[in-house]
PDB file of N, CA and C in Angstrom:
ATOM      1  N   MET A   1      20.909   3.581   4.737  1.00  0.00           N
ATOM      2  CA  MET A   1      19.803   2.694   4.442  1.00  0.00           C
ATOM      3  C   MET A   1      19.052   3.251   3.230  1.00  0.00           C
ATOM      4  N   ALA A   2      19.101   2.527   2.126  1.00  0.00           N
ATOM      5  CA  ALA A   2      18.397   2.920   0.906  1.00  0.00           C
ATOM      6  C   ALA A   2      17.034   2.241   0.878  1.00  0.00           C
ATOM      7  N   VAL A   3      15.980   3.062   0.808  1.00  0.00           N
ATOM      8  CA  VAL A   3      14.609   2.546   0.803  1.00  0.00           C
ATOM      9  C   VAL A   3      14.019   2.776  -0.582  1.00  0.00           C
ATOM     10  N   GLU A   4      13.379   1.728  -1.114  1.00  0.00           N
ATOM     11  CA  GLU A   4      12.769   1.797  -2.450  1.00  0.00           C
ATOM     12  C   GLU A   4      11.374   1.179  -2.381  1.00  0.00           C
ATOM     13  N   PHE A   5      10.445   1.773  -3.115  1.00  0.00           N
ATOM     14  CA  PHE A   5       9.078   1.273  -3.188  1.00  0.00           C
ATOM     15  C   PHE A   5       8.796   0.908  -4.636  1.00  0.00           C
ATOM     16  N   ILE A   6       8.184  -0.264  -4.840  1.00  0.00           N
ATOM     17  CA  ILE A   6       7.864  -0.704  -6.192  1.00  0.00           C
ATOM     18  C   ILE A   6       6.456  -1.278  -6.239  1.00  0.00           C
ATOM     19  N   HIS A   7       5.873  -1.246  -7.433  1.00  0.00           N
ATOM     20  CA  HIS A   7       4.592  -1.909  -7.674  1.00  0.00           C
ATOM     21  C   HIS A   7       4.893  -3.103  -8.562  1.00  0.00           C
ATOM     22  N   ASP A   8       4.742  -4.280  -8.022  1.00  0.00           N
ATOM     23  CA  ASP A   8       4.921  -5.512  -8.791  1.00  0.00           C
ATOM     24  C   ASP A   8       3.529  -5.971  -9.215  1.00  0.00           C
ATOM     25  N   ALA A   9       3.063  -5.439 -10.343  1.00  0.00           N
ATOM     26  CA  ALA A   9       1.708  -5.721 -10.817  1.00  0.00           C
ATOM     27  C   ALA A   9       1.509  -7.214 -11.071  1.00  0.00           C
ATOM     28  N   GLN A  10       2.529  -7.876 -11.565  1.00  0.00           N
ATOM     29  CA  GLN A  10       2.412  -9.305 -11.862  1.00  0.00           C
ATOM     30  C   GLN A  10       2.176 -10.116 -10.581  1.00  0.00           C
ATOM     31  N   ALA A  11       2.841  -9.738  -9.498  1.00  0.00           N
ATOM     32  CA  ALA A  11       2.660 -10.427  -8.218  1.00  0.00           C
ATOM     33  C   ALA A  11       1.431  -9.910  -7.471  1.00  0.00           C
ATOM     34  N   GLY A  12       0.873  -8.784  -7.907  1.00  0.00           N
ATOM     35  CA  GLY A  12      -0.297  -8.214  -7.258  1.00  0.00           C
ATOM     36  C   GLY A  12       0.009  -7.606  -5.913  1.00  0.00           C
ATOM     37  N   ARG A  13       1.117  -6.848  -5.863  1.00  0.00           N
ATOM     38  CA  ARG A  13       1.444  -6.210  -4.600  1.00  0.00           C
ATOM     39  C   ARG A  13       2.421  -5.053  -4.767  1.00  0.00           C
ATOM     40  N   TYR A  14       2.430  -4.228  -3.745  1.00  0.00           N
ATOM     41  CA  TYR A  14       3.397  -3.145  -3.622  1.00  0.00           C
ATOM     42  C   TYR A  14       4.430  -3.619  -2.610  1.00  0.00           C
ATOM     43  N   GLU A  15       5.689  -3.285  -2.857  1.00  0.00           N
ATOM     44  CA  GLU A  15       6.753  -3.772  -1.979  1.00  0.00           C
ATOM     45  C   GLU A  15       7.646  -2.639  -1.531  1.00  0.00           C
ATOM     46  N   VAL A  16       8.216  -2.813  -0.347  1.00  0.00           N
ATOM     47  CA  VAL A  16       9.237  -1.900   0.149  1.00  0.00           C
ATOM     48  C   VAL A  16      10.526  -2.705   0.292  1.00  0.00           C
ATOM     49  N   LEU A  17      11.594  -2.148  -0.263  1.00  0.00           N
ATOM     50  CA  LEU A  17      12.910  -2.776  -0.206  1.00  0.00           C
ATOM     51  C   LEU A  17      13.850  -1.863   0.573  1.00  0.00           C
ATOM     52  N   VAL A  18      14.655  -2.467   1.422  1.00  0.00           N
ATOM     53  CA  VAL A  18      15.681  -1.742   2.164  1.00  0.00           C
ATOM     54  C   VAL A  18      17.016  -2.353   1.764  1.00  0.00           C
ATOM     55  N   ASP A  19      17.860  -1.515   1.198  1.00  0.00           N
ATOM     56  CA  ASP A  19      19.166  -1.979   0.697  1.00  0.00           C
ATOM     57  C   ASP A  19      19.003  -3.199  -0.209  1.00  0.00           C
ATOM     58  N   GLY A  20      17.949  -3.185  -1.037  1.00  0.00           N
ATOM     59  CA  GLY A  20      17.709  -4.241  -2.007  1.00  0.00           C
ATOM     60  C   GLY A  20      16.960  -5.444  -1.479  1.00  0.00           C
ATOM     61  N   GLU A  21      16.720  -5.510  -0.172  1.00  0.00           N
ATOM     62  CA  GLU A  21      16.007  -6.633   0.428  1.00  0.00           C
ATOM     63  C   GLU A  21      14.535  -6.267   0.620  1.00  0.00           C
ATOM     64  N   GLN A  22      13.634  -7.134   0.143  1.00  0.00           N
ATOM     65  CA  GLN A  22      12.210  -6.888   0.339  1.00  0.00           C
ATOM     66  C   GLN A  22      11.886  -7.123   1.810  1.00  0.00           C
ATOM     67  N   VAL A  23      11.389  -6.061   2.477  1.00  0.00           N
ATOM     68  CA  VAL A  23      11.110  -6.141   3.912  1.00  0.00           C
ATOM     69  C   VAL A  23       9.634  -5.908   4.243  1.00  0.00           C
ATOM     70  N   GLY A  24       8.831  -5.683   3.224  1.00  0.00           N
ATOM     71  CA  GLY A  24       7.413  -5.491   3.468  1.00  0.00           C
ATOM     72  C   GLY A  24       6.643  -5.446   2.165  1.00  0.00           C
ATOM     73  N   PHE A  25       5.320  -5.618   2.301  1.00  0.00           N
ATOM     74  CA  PHE A  25       4.480  -5.600   1.104  1.00  0.00           C
ATOM     75  C   PHE A  25       3.039  -5.287   1.480  1.00  0.00           C
ATOM     76  N   ALA A  26       2.292  -4.838   0.492  1.00  0.00           N
ATOM     77  CA  ALA A  26       0.849  -4.656   0.601  1.00  0.00           C
ATOM     78  C   ALA A  26       0.238  -5.392  -0.584  1.00  0.00           C
ATOM     79  N   VAL A  27      -0.556  -6.408  -0.300  1.00  0.00           N
ATOM     80  CA  VAL A  27      -1.238  -7.147  -1.357  1.00  0.00           C
ATOM     81  C   VAL A  27      -2.273  -6.214  -1.976  1.00  0.00           C
ATOM     82  N   ALA A  28      -2.331  -6.202  -3.314  1.00  0.00           N
ATOM     83  CA  ALA A  28      -3.234  -5.296  -4.034  1.00  0.00           C
ATOM     84  C   ALA A  28      -3.840  -6.043  -5.212  1.00  0.00           C
ATOM     85  N   ARG A  29      -5.089  -6.477  -5.036  1.00  0.00           N
ATOM     86  CA  ARG A  29      -5.784  -7.221  -6.097  1.00  0.00           C
ATOM     87  C   ARG A  29      -6.602  -6.260  -6.949  1.00  0.00           C
ATOM     88  N   GLU A  30      -6.398  -6.321  -8.249  1.00  0.00           N
ATOM     89  CA  GLU A  30      -7.166  -5.507  -9.192  1.00  0.00           C
ATOM     90  C   GLU A  30      -8.517  -6.175  -9.427  1.00  0.00           C
ATOM     91  N   GLU A  31      -9.600  -5.443  -9.194  1.00  0.00           N
ATOM     92  CA  GLU A  31     -10.953  -5.957  -9.433  1.00  0.00           C
ATOM     93  C   GLU A  31     -11.740  -4.859 -10.136  1.00  0.00           C
ATOM     94  N   GLY A  32     -11.748  -4.910 -11.467  1.00  0.00           N
ATOM     95  CA  GLY A  32     -12.426  -3.879 -12.248  1.00  0.00           C
ATOM     96  C   GLY A  32     -11.746  -2.536 -12.060  1.00  0.00           C
ATOM     97  N   ASP A  33     -12.527  -1.523 -11.627  1.00  0.00           N
ATOM     98  CA  ASP A  33     -11.943  -0.202 -11.424  1.00  0.00           C
ATOM     99  C   ASP A  33     -11.450  -0.007  -9.993  1.00  0.00           C
ATOM    100  N   LYS A  34     -11.442  -1.097  -9.207  1.00  0.00           N
ATOM    101  CA  LYS A  34     -11.013  -1.039  -7.806  1.00  0.00           C
ATOM    102  C   LYS A  34      -9.711  -1.800  -7.603  1.00  0.00           C
ATOM    103  N   VAL A  35      -9.011  -1.391  -6.556  1.00  0.00           N
ATOM    104  CA  VAL A  35      -7.864  -2.141  -6.065  1.00  0.00           C
ATOM    105  C   VAL A  35      -8.203  -2.526  -4.631  1.00  0.00           C
ATOM    106  N   VAL A  36      -8.247  -3.827  -4.380  1.00  0.00           N
ATOM    107  CA  VAL A  36      -8.578  -4.351  -3.060  1.00  0.00           C
ATOM    108  C   VAL A  36      -7.273  -4.606  -2.307  1.00  0.00           C
ATOM    109  N   PHE A  37      -7.192  -4.045  -1.099  1.00  0.00           N
ATOM    110  CA  PHE A  37      -6.018  -4.233  -0.241  1.00  0.00           C
ATOM    111  C   PHE A  37      -6.407  -5.140   0.929  1.00  0.00           C
ATOM    112  N   PRO A  38      -6.112  -6.462   0.840  1.00  0.00           N
ATOM    113  CA  PRO A  38      -6.486  -7.375   1.918  1.00  0.00           C
ATOM    114  C   PRO A  38      -5.449  -7.517   3.033  1.00  0.00           C
ATOM    115  N   HIS A  39      -4.179  -7.156   2.768  1.00  0.00           N
ATOM    116  CA  HIS A  39      -3.144  -7.437   3.769  1.00  0.00           C
ATOM    117  C   HIS A  39      -1.913  -6.575   3.526  1.00  0.00           C
ATOM    118  N   THR A  40      -1.343  -6.070   4.620  1.00  0.00           N
ATOM    119  CA  THR A  40      -0.080  -5.332   4.589  1.00  0.00           C
ATOM    120  C   THR A  40       0.810  -5.913   5.669  1.00  0.00           C
ATOM    121  N   GLU A  41       2.096  -6.048   5.352  1.00  0.00           N
ATOM    122  CA  GLU A  41       3.014  -6.669   6.309  1.00  0.00           C
ATOM    123  C   GLU A  41       4.397  -6.045   6.198  1.00  0.00           C
ATOM    124  N   ILE A  42       5.017  -5.787   7.355  1.00  0.00           N
ATOM    125  CA  ILE A  42       6.397  -5.308   7.421  1.00  0.00           C
ATOM    126  C   ILE A  42       7.168  -6.298   8.289  1.00  0.00           C
ATOM    127  N   ASP A  43       8.350  -6.684   7.825  1.00  0.00           N
ATOM    128  CA  ASP A  43       9.215  -7.582   8.590  1.00  0.00           C
ATOM    129  C   ASP A  43       9.445  -6.971   9.975  1.00  0.00           C
ATOM    130  N   GLU A  44       9.317  -7.784  11.006  1.00  0.00           N
ATOM    131  CA  GLU A  44       9.431  -7.270  12.377  1.00  0.00           C
ATOM    132  C   GLU A  44      10.770  -6.579  12.645  1.00  0.00           C
ATOM    133  N   ARG A  45      11.817  -6.940  11.922  1.00  0.00           N
ATOM    134  CA  ARG A  45      13.114  -6.273  12.096  1.00  0.00           C
ATOM    135  C   ARG A  45      13.068  -4.807  11.695  1.00  0.00           C
ATOM    136  N   PHE A  46      12.047  -4.425  10.910  1.00  0.00           N
ATOM    137  CA  PHE A  46      11.963  -3.071  10.373  1.00  0.00           C
ATOM    138  C   PHE A  46      10.736  -2.310  10.876  1.00  0.00           C
ATOM    139  N   GLU A  47      10.030  -2.875  11.839  1.00  0.00           N
ATOM    140  CA  GLU A  47       8.863  -2.197  12.393  1.00  0.00           C
ATOM    141  C   GLU A  47       9.293  -0.941  13.140  1.00  0.00           C
ATOM    142  N   GLY A  48       8.372   0.022  13.216  1.00  0.00           N
ATOM    143  CA  GLY A  48       8.632   1.242  13.967  1.00  0.00           C
ATOM    144  C   GLY A  48       9.434   2.289  13.225  1.00  0.00           C
ATOM    145  N   ARG A  49       9.657   2.097  11.941  1.00  0.00           N
ATOM    146  CA  ARG A  49      10.443   3.049  11.146  1.00  0.00           C
ATOM    147  C   ARG A  49       9.588   3.832  10.153  1.00  0.00           C
ATOM    148  N   GLY A  50       8.276   3.626  10.210  1.00  0.00           N
ATOM    149  CA  GLY A  50       7.377   4.340   9.313  1.00  0.00           C
ATOM    150  C   GLY A  50       7.291   3.753   7.920  1.00  0.00           C
ATOM    151  N   LEU A  51       7.818   2.552   7.720  1.00  0.00           N
ATOM    152  CA  LEU A  51       7.825   1.956   6.386  1.00  0.00           C
ATOM    153  C   LEU A  51       6.426   1.583   5.912  1.00  0.00           C
ATOM    154  N   ALA A  52       5.568   1.120   6.812  1.00  0.00           N
ATOM    155  CA  ALA A  52       4.195   0.770   6.412  1.00  0.00           C
ATOM    156  C   ALA A  52       3.468   2.019   5.934  1.00  0.00           C
ATOM    157  N   ARG A  53       3.616   3.110   6.654  1.00  0.00           N
ATOM    158  CA  ARG A  53       2.981   4.376   6.259  1.00  0.00           C
ATOM    159  C   ARG A  53       3.488   4.829   4.895  1.00  0.00           C
ATOM    160  N   GLN A  54       4.784   4.766   4.692  1.00  0.00           N
ATOM    161  CA  GLN A  54       5.365   5.167   3.412  1.00  0.00           C
ATOM    162  C   GLN A  54       4.911   4.242   2.284  1.00  0.00           C
ATOM    163  N   LEU A  55       4.839   2.940   2.571  1.00  0.00           N
ATOM    164  CA  LEU A  55       4.413   1.966   1.569  1.00  0.00           C
ATOM    165  C   LEU A  55       2.970   2.211   1.157  1.00  0.00           C
ATOM    166  N   VAL A  56       2.097   2.411   2.128  1.00  0.00           N
ATOM    167  CA  VAL A  56       0.686   2.639   1.815  1.00  0.00           C
ATOM    168  C   VAL A  56       0.510   3.977   1.087  1.00  0.00           C
ATOM    169  N   THR A  57       1.258   4.985   1.476  1.00  0.00           N
ATOM    170  CA  THR A  57       1.206   6.264   0.762  1.00  0.00           C
ATOM    171  C   THR A  57       1.609   6.075  -0.696  1.00  0.00           C
ATOM    172  N   PHE A  58       2.683   5.347  -0.936  1.00  0.00           N
ATOM    173  CA  PHE A  58       3.143   5.064  -2.294  1.00  0.00           C
ATOM    174  C   PHE A  58       2.064   4.328  -3.079  1.00  0.00           C
ATOM    175  N   ALA A  59       1.469   3.304  -2.455  1.00  0.00           N
ATOM    176  CA  ALA A  59       0.449   2.496  -3.132  1.00  0.00           C
ATOM    177  C   ALA A  59      -0.787   3.332  -3.465  1.00  0.00           C
ATOM    178  N   LEU A  60      -1.272   4.118  -2.514  1.00  0.00           N
ATOM    179  CA  LEU A  60      -2.473   4.918  -2.754  1.00  0.00           C
ATOM    180  C   LEU A  60      -2.220   6.012  -3.786  1.00  0.00           C
ATOM    181  N   ASP A  61      -1.038   6.591  -3.774  1.00  0.00           N
ATOM    182  CA  ASP A  61      -0.701   7.589  -4.796  1.00  0.00           C
ATOM    183  C   ASP A  61      -0.684   6.952  -6.186  1.00  0.00           C
ATOM    184  N   ASP A  62      -0.194   5.719  -6.265  1.00  0.00           N
ATOM    185  CA  ASP A  62      -0.185   5.005  -7.544  1.00  0.00           C
ATOM    186  C   ASP A  62      -1.605   4.677  -7.995  1.00  0.00           C
ATOM    187  N   VAL A  63      -2.442   4.228  -7.073  1.00  0.00           N
ATOM    188  CA  VAL A  63      -3.845   3.933  -7.395  1.00  0.00           C
ATOM    189  C   VAL A  63      -4.520   5.193  -7.929  1.00  0.00           C
ATOM    190  N   ARG A  64      -4.302   6.308  -7.277  1.00  0.00           N
ATOM    191  CA  ARG A  64      -4.883   7.578  -7.723  1.00  0.00           C
ATOM    192  C   ARG A  64      -4.399   7.938  -9.127  1.00  0.00           C
ATOM    193  N   ALA A  65      -3.107   7.805  -9.367  1.00  0.00           N
ATOM    194  CA  ALA A  65      -2.528   8.147 -10.674  1.00  0.00           C
ATOM    195  C   ALA A  65      -3.110   7.273 -11.786  1.00  0.00           C
ATOM    196  N   ARG A  66      -3.507   6.058 -11.446  1.00  0.00           N
ATOM    197  CA  ARG A  66      -4.086   5.141 -12.434  1.00  0.00           C
ATOM    198  C   ARG A  66      -5.601   5.268 -12.533  1.00  0.00           C
ATOM    199  N   GLY A  67      -6.188   6.203 -11.779  1.00  0.00           N
ATOM    200  CA  GLY A  67      -7.625   6.449 -11.874  1.00  0.00           C
ATOM    201  C   GLY A  67      -8.494   5.359 -11.277  1.00  0.00           C
ATOM    202  N   ARG A  68      -7.971   4.656 -10.296  1.00  0.00           N
ATOM    203  CA  ARG A  68      -8.710   3.558  -9.656  1.00  0.00           C
ATOM    204  C   ARG A  68      -9.247   3.996  -8.306  1.00  0.00           C
ATOM    205  N   LEU A  69     -10.110   3.161  -7.734  1.00  0.00           N
ATOM    206  CA  LEU A  69     -10.633   3.345  -6.393  1.00  0.00           C
ATOM    207  C   LEU A  69     -10.068   2.256  -5.492  1.00  0.00           C
ATOM    208  N   VAL A  70     -10.244   2.417  -4.195  1.00  0.00           N
ATOM    209  CA  VAL A  70      -9.665   1.499  -3.214  1.00  0.00           C
ATOM    210  C   VAL A  70     -10.765   0.849  -2.384  1.00  0.00           C
ATOM    211  N   GLU A  71     -10.589  -0.438  -2.143  1.00  0.00           N
ATOM    212  CA  GLU A  71     -11.431  -1.169  -1.202  1.00  0.00           C
ATOM    213  C   GLU A  71     -10.498  -1.757  -0.141  1.00  0.00           C
ATOM    214  N   PRO A  72     -10.399  -1.089   1.020  1.00  0.00           N
ATOM    215  CA  PRO A  72      -9.435  -1.535   2.041  1.00  0.00           C
ATOM    216  C   PRO A  72     -10.011  -2.611   2.960  1.00  0.00           C
ATOM    217  N   HIS A  73      -9.555  -3.819   2.829  1.00  0.00           N
ATOM    218  CA  HIS A  73      -9.935  -4.892   3.741  1.00  0.00           C
ATOM    219  C   HIS A  73      -8.894  -5.012   4.842  1.00  0.00           C
ATOM    220  N   CYS A  74      -7.689  -4.595   4.562  1.00  0.00           N
ATOM    221  CA  CYS A  74      -6.597  -4.589   5.533  1.00  0.00           C
ATOM    222  C   CYS A  74      -6.870  -3.501   6.570  1.00  0.00           C
ATOM    223  N   THR A  75      -6.790  -3.852   7.852  1.00  0.00           N
ATOM    224  CA  THR A  75      -7.082  -2.868   8.895  1.00  0.00           C
ATOM    225  C   THR A  75      -6.091  -1.706   8.870  1.00  0.00           C
ATOM    226  N   TYR A  76      -4.836  -1.962   8.507  1.00  0.00           N
ATOM    227  CA  TYR A  76      -3.856  -0.871   8.467  1.00  0.00           C
ATOM    228  C   TYR A  76      -4.224   0.132   7.372  1.00  0.00           C
ATOM    229  N   VAL A  77      -4.540  -0.355   6.183  1.00  0.00           N
ATOM    230  CA  VAL A  77      -4.888   0.538   5.070  1.00  0.00           C
ATOM    231  C   VAL A  77      -6.175   1.289   5.395  1.00  0.00           C
ATOM    232  N   LYS A  78      -7.148   0.603   5.976  1.00  0.00           N
ATOM    233  CA  LYS A  78      -8.408   1.266   6.342  1.00  0.00           C
ATOM    234  C   LYS A  78      -8.154   2.376   7.355  1.00  0.00           C
ATOM    235  N   ARG A  79      -7.397   2.088   8.393  1.00  0.00           N
ATOM    236  CA  ARG A  79      -7.085   3.077   9.422  1.00  0.00           C
ATOM    237  C   ARG A  79      -6.290   4.248   8.833  1.00  0.00           C
ATOM    238  N   PHE A  80      -5.358   3.944   7.936  1.00  0.00           N
ATOM    239  CA  PHE A  80      -4.563   4.989   7.289  1.00  0.00           C
ATOM    240  C   PHE A  80      -5.476   5.954   6.530  1.00  0.00           C
ATOM    241  N   ILE A  81      -6.408   5.412   5.762  1.00  0.00           N
ATOM    242  CA  ILE A  81      -7.329   6.260   4.993  1.00  0.00           C
ATOM    243  C   ILE A  81      -8.245   7.044   5.932  1.00  0.00           C
ATOM    244  N   ASP A  82      -8.723   6.418   6.991  1.00  0.00           N
ATOM    245  CA  ASP A  82      -9.570   7.108   7.962  1.00  0.00           C
ATOM    246  C   ASP A  82      -8.852   8.315   8.572  1.00  0.00           C
ATOM    247  N   ARG A  83      -7.551   8.187   8.799  1.00  0.00           N
ATOM    248  CA  ARG A  83      -6.770   9.243   9.451  1.00  0.00           C
ATOM    249  C   ARG A  83      -6.187  10.267   8.485  1.00  0.00           C
ATOM    250  N   ASN A  84      -6.219   9.973   7.205  1.00  0.00           N
ATOM    251  CA  ASN A  84      -5.634  10.866   6.198  1.00  0.00           C
ATOM    252  C   ASN A  84      -6.713  11.232   5.189  1.00  0.00           C
ATOM    253  N   VAL A  85      -7.425  12.305   5.480  1.00  0.00           N
ATOM    254  CA  VAL A  85      -8.605  12.676   4.690  1.00  0.00           C
ATOM    255  C   VAL A  85      -8.285  12.895   3.211  1.00  0.00           C
ATOM    256  N   GLU A  86      -7.048  13.210   2.891  1.00  0.00           N
ATOM    257  CA  GLU A  86      -6.696  13.442   1.489  1.00  0.00           C
ATOM    258  C   GLU A  86      -6.782  12.178   0.634  1.00  0.00           C
ATOM    259  N   TYR A  87      -6.960  11.009   1.279  1.00  0.00           N
ATOM    260  CA  TYR A  87      -7.103   9.755   0.534  1.00  0.00           C
ATOM    261  C   TYR A  87      -8.526   9.209   0.566  1.00  0.00           C
ATOM    262  N   GLN A  88      -9.420   9.834   1.300  1.00  0.00           N
ATOM    263  CA  GLN A  88     -10.776   9.318   1.437  1.00  0.00           C
ATOM    264  C   GLN A  88     -11.561   9.335   0.148  1.00  0.00           C
ATOM    265  N   ASP A  89     -11.189  10.210  -0.794  1.00  0.00           N
ATOM    266  CA  ASP A  89     -11.882  10.229  -2.084  1.00  0.00           C
ATOM    267  C   ASP A  89     -11.600   8.982  -2.911  1.00  0.00           C
ATOM    268  N   LEU A  90     -10.620   8.195  -2.520  1.00  0.00           N
ATOM    269  CA  LEU A  90     -10.281   6.962  -3.242  1.00  0.00           C
ATOM    270  C   LEU A  90     -11.164   5.783  -2.841  1.00  0.00           C
ATOM    271  N   LEU A  91     -11.914   5.927  -1.754  1.00  0.00           N
ATOM    272  CA  LEU A  91     -12.731   4.810  -1.278  1.00  0.00           C
ATOM    273  C   LEU A  91     -13.846   4.473  -2.260  1.00  0.00           C
ATOM    274  N   ALA A  92     -13.934   3.194  -2.598  1.00  0.00           N
ATOM    275  CA  ALA A  92     -15.039   2.721  -3.441  1.00  0.00           C
ATOM    276  C   ALA A  92     -16.308   2.787  -2.614  1.00  0.00           C
ATOM    277  N   LYS A  93     -17.347   3.257  -3.217  1.00  0.00           N
ATOM    278  CA  LYS A  93     -18.634   3.396  -2.498  1.00  0.00           C
ATOM    279  C   LYS A  93     -19.372   2.092  -2.462  1.00  0.00           C
TER     280      LYS A  93
END
């Protein structure tokens, strides 16, 4: 199983692909110096494999590399940041 993570800036989302098939995404709207995450979704066929965690890690690492802050409206992204203190500095005040 080949897993790939991409940032499709034009579509406004981060995606996870398994063997070339898009199986999940995190919507990421650019708003000034912030990236708003309103929704994350993984295809039910692929739930329980840690793909959402890996996808959000990829997305937050990319946001950090681009010098942006995060506004998590998605409960998964919010909970992920709450549980992973190394990403809390990305929260927009």
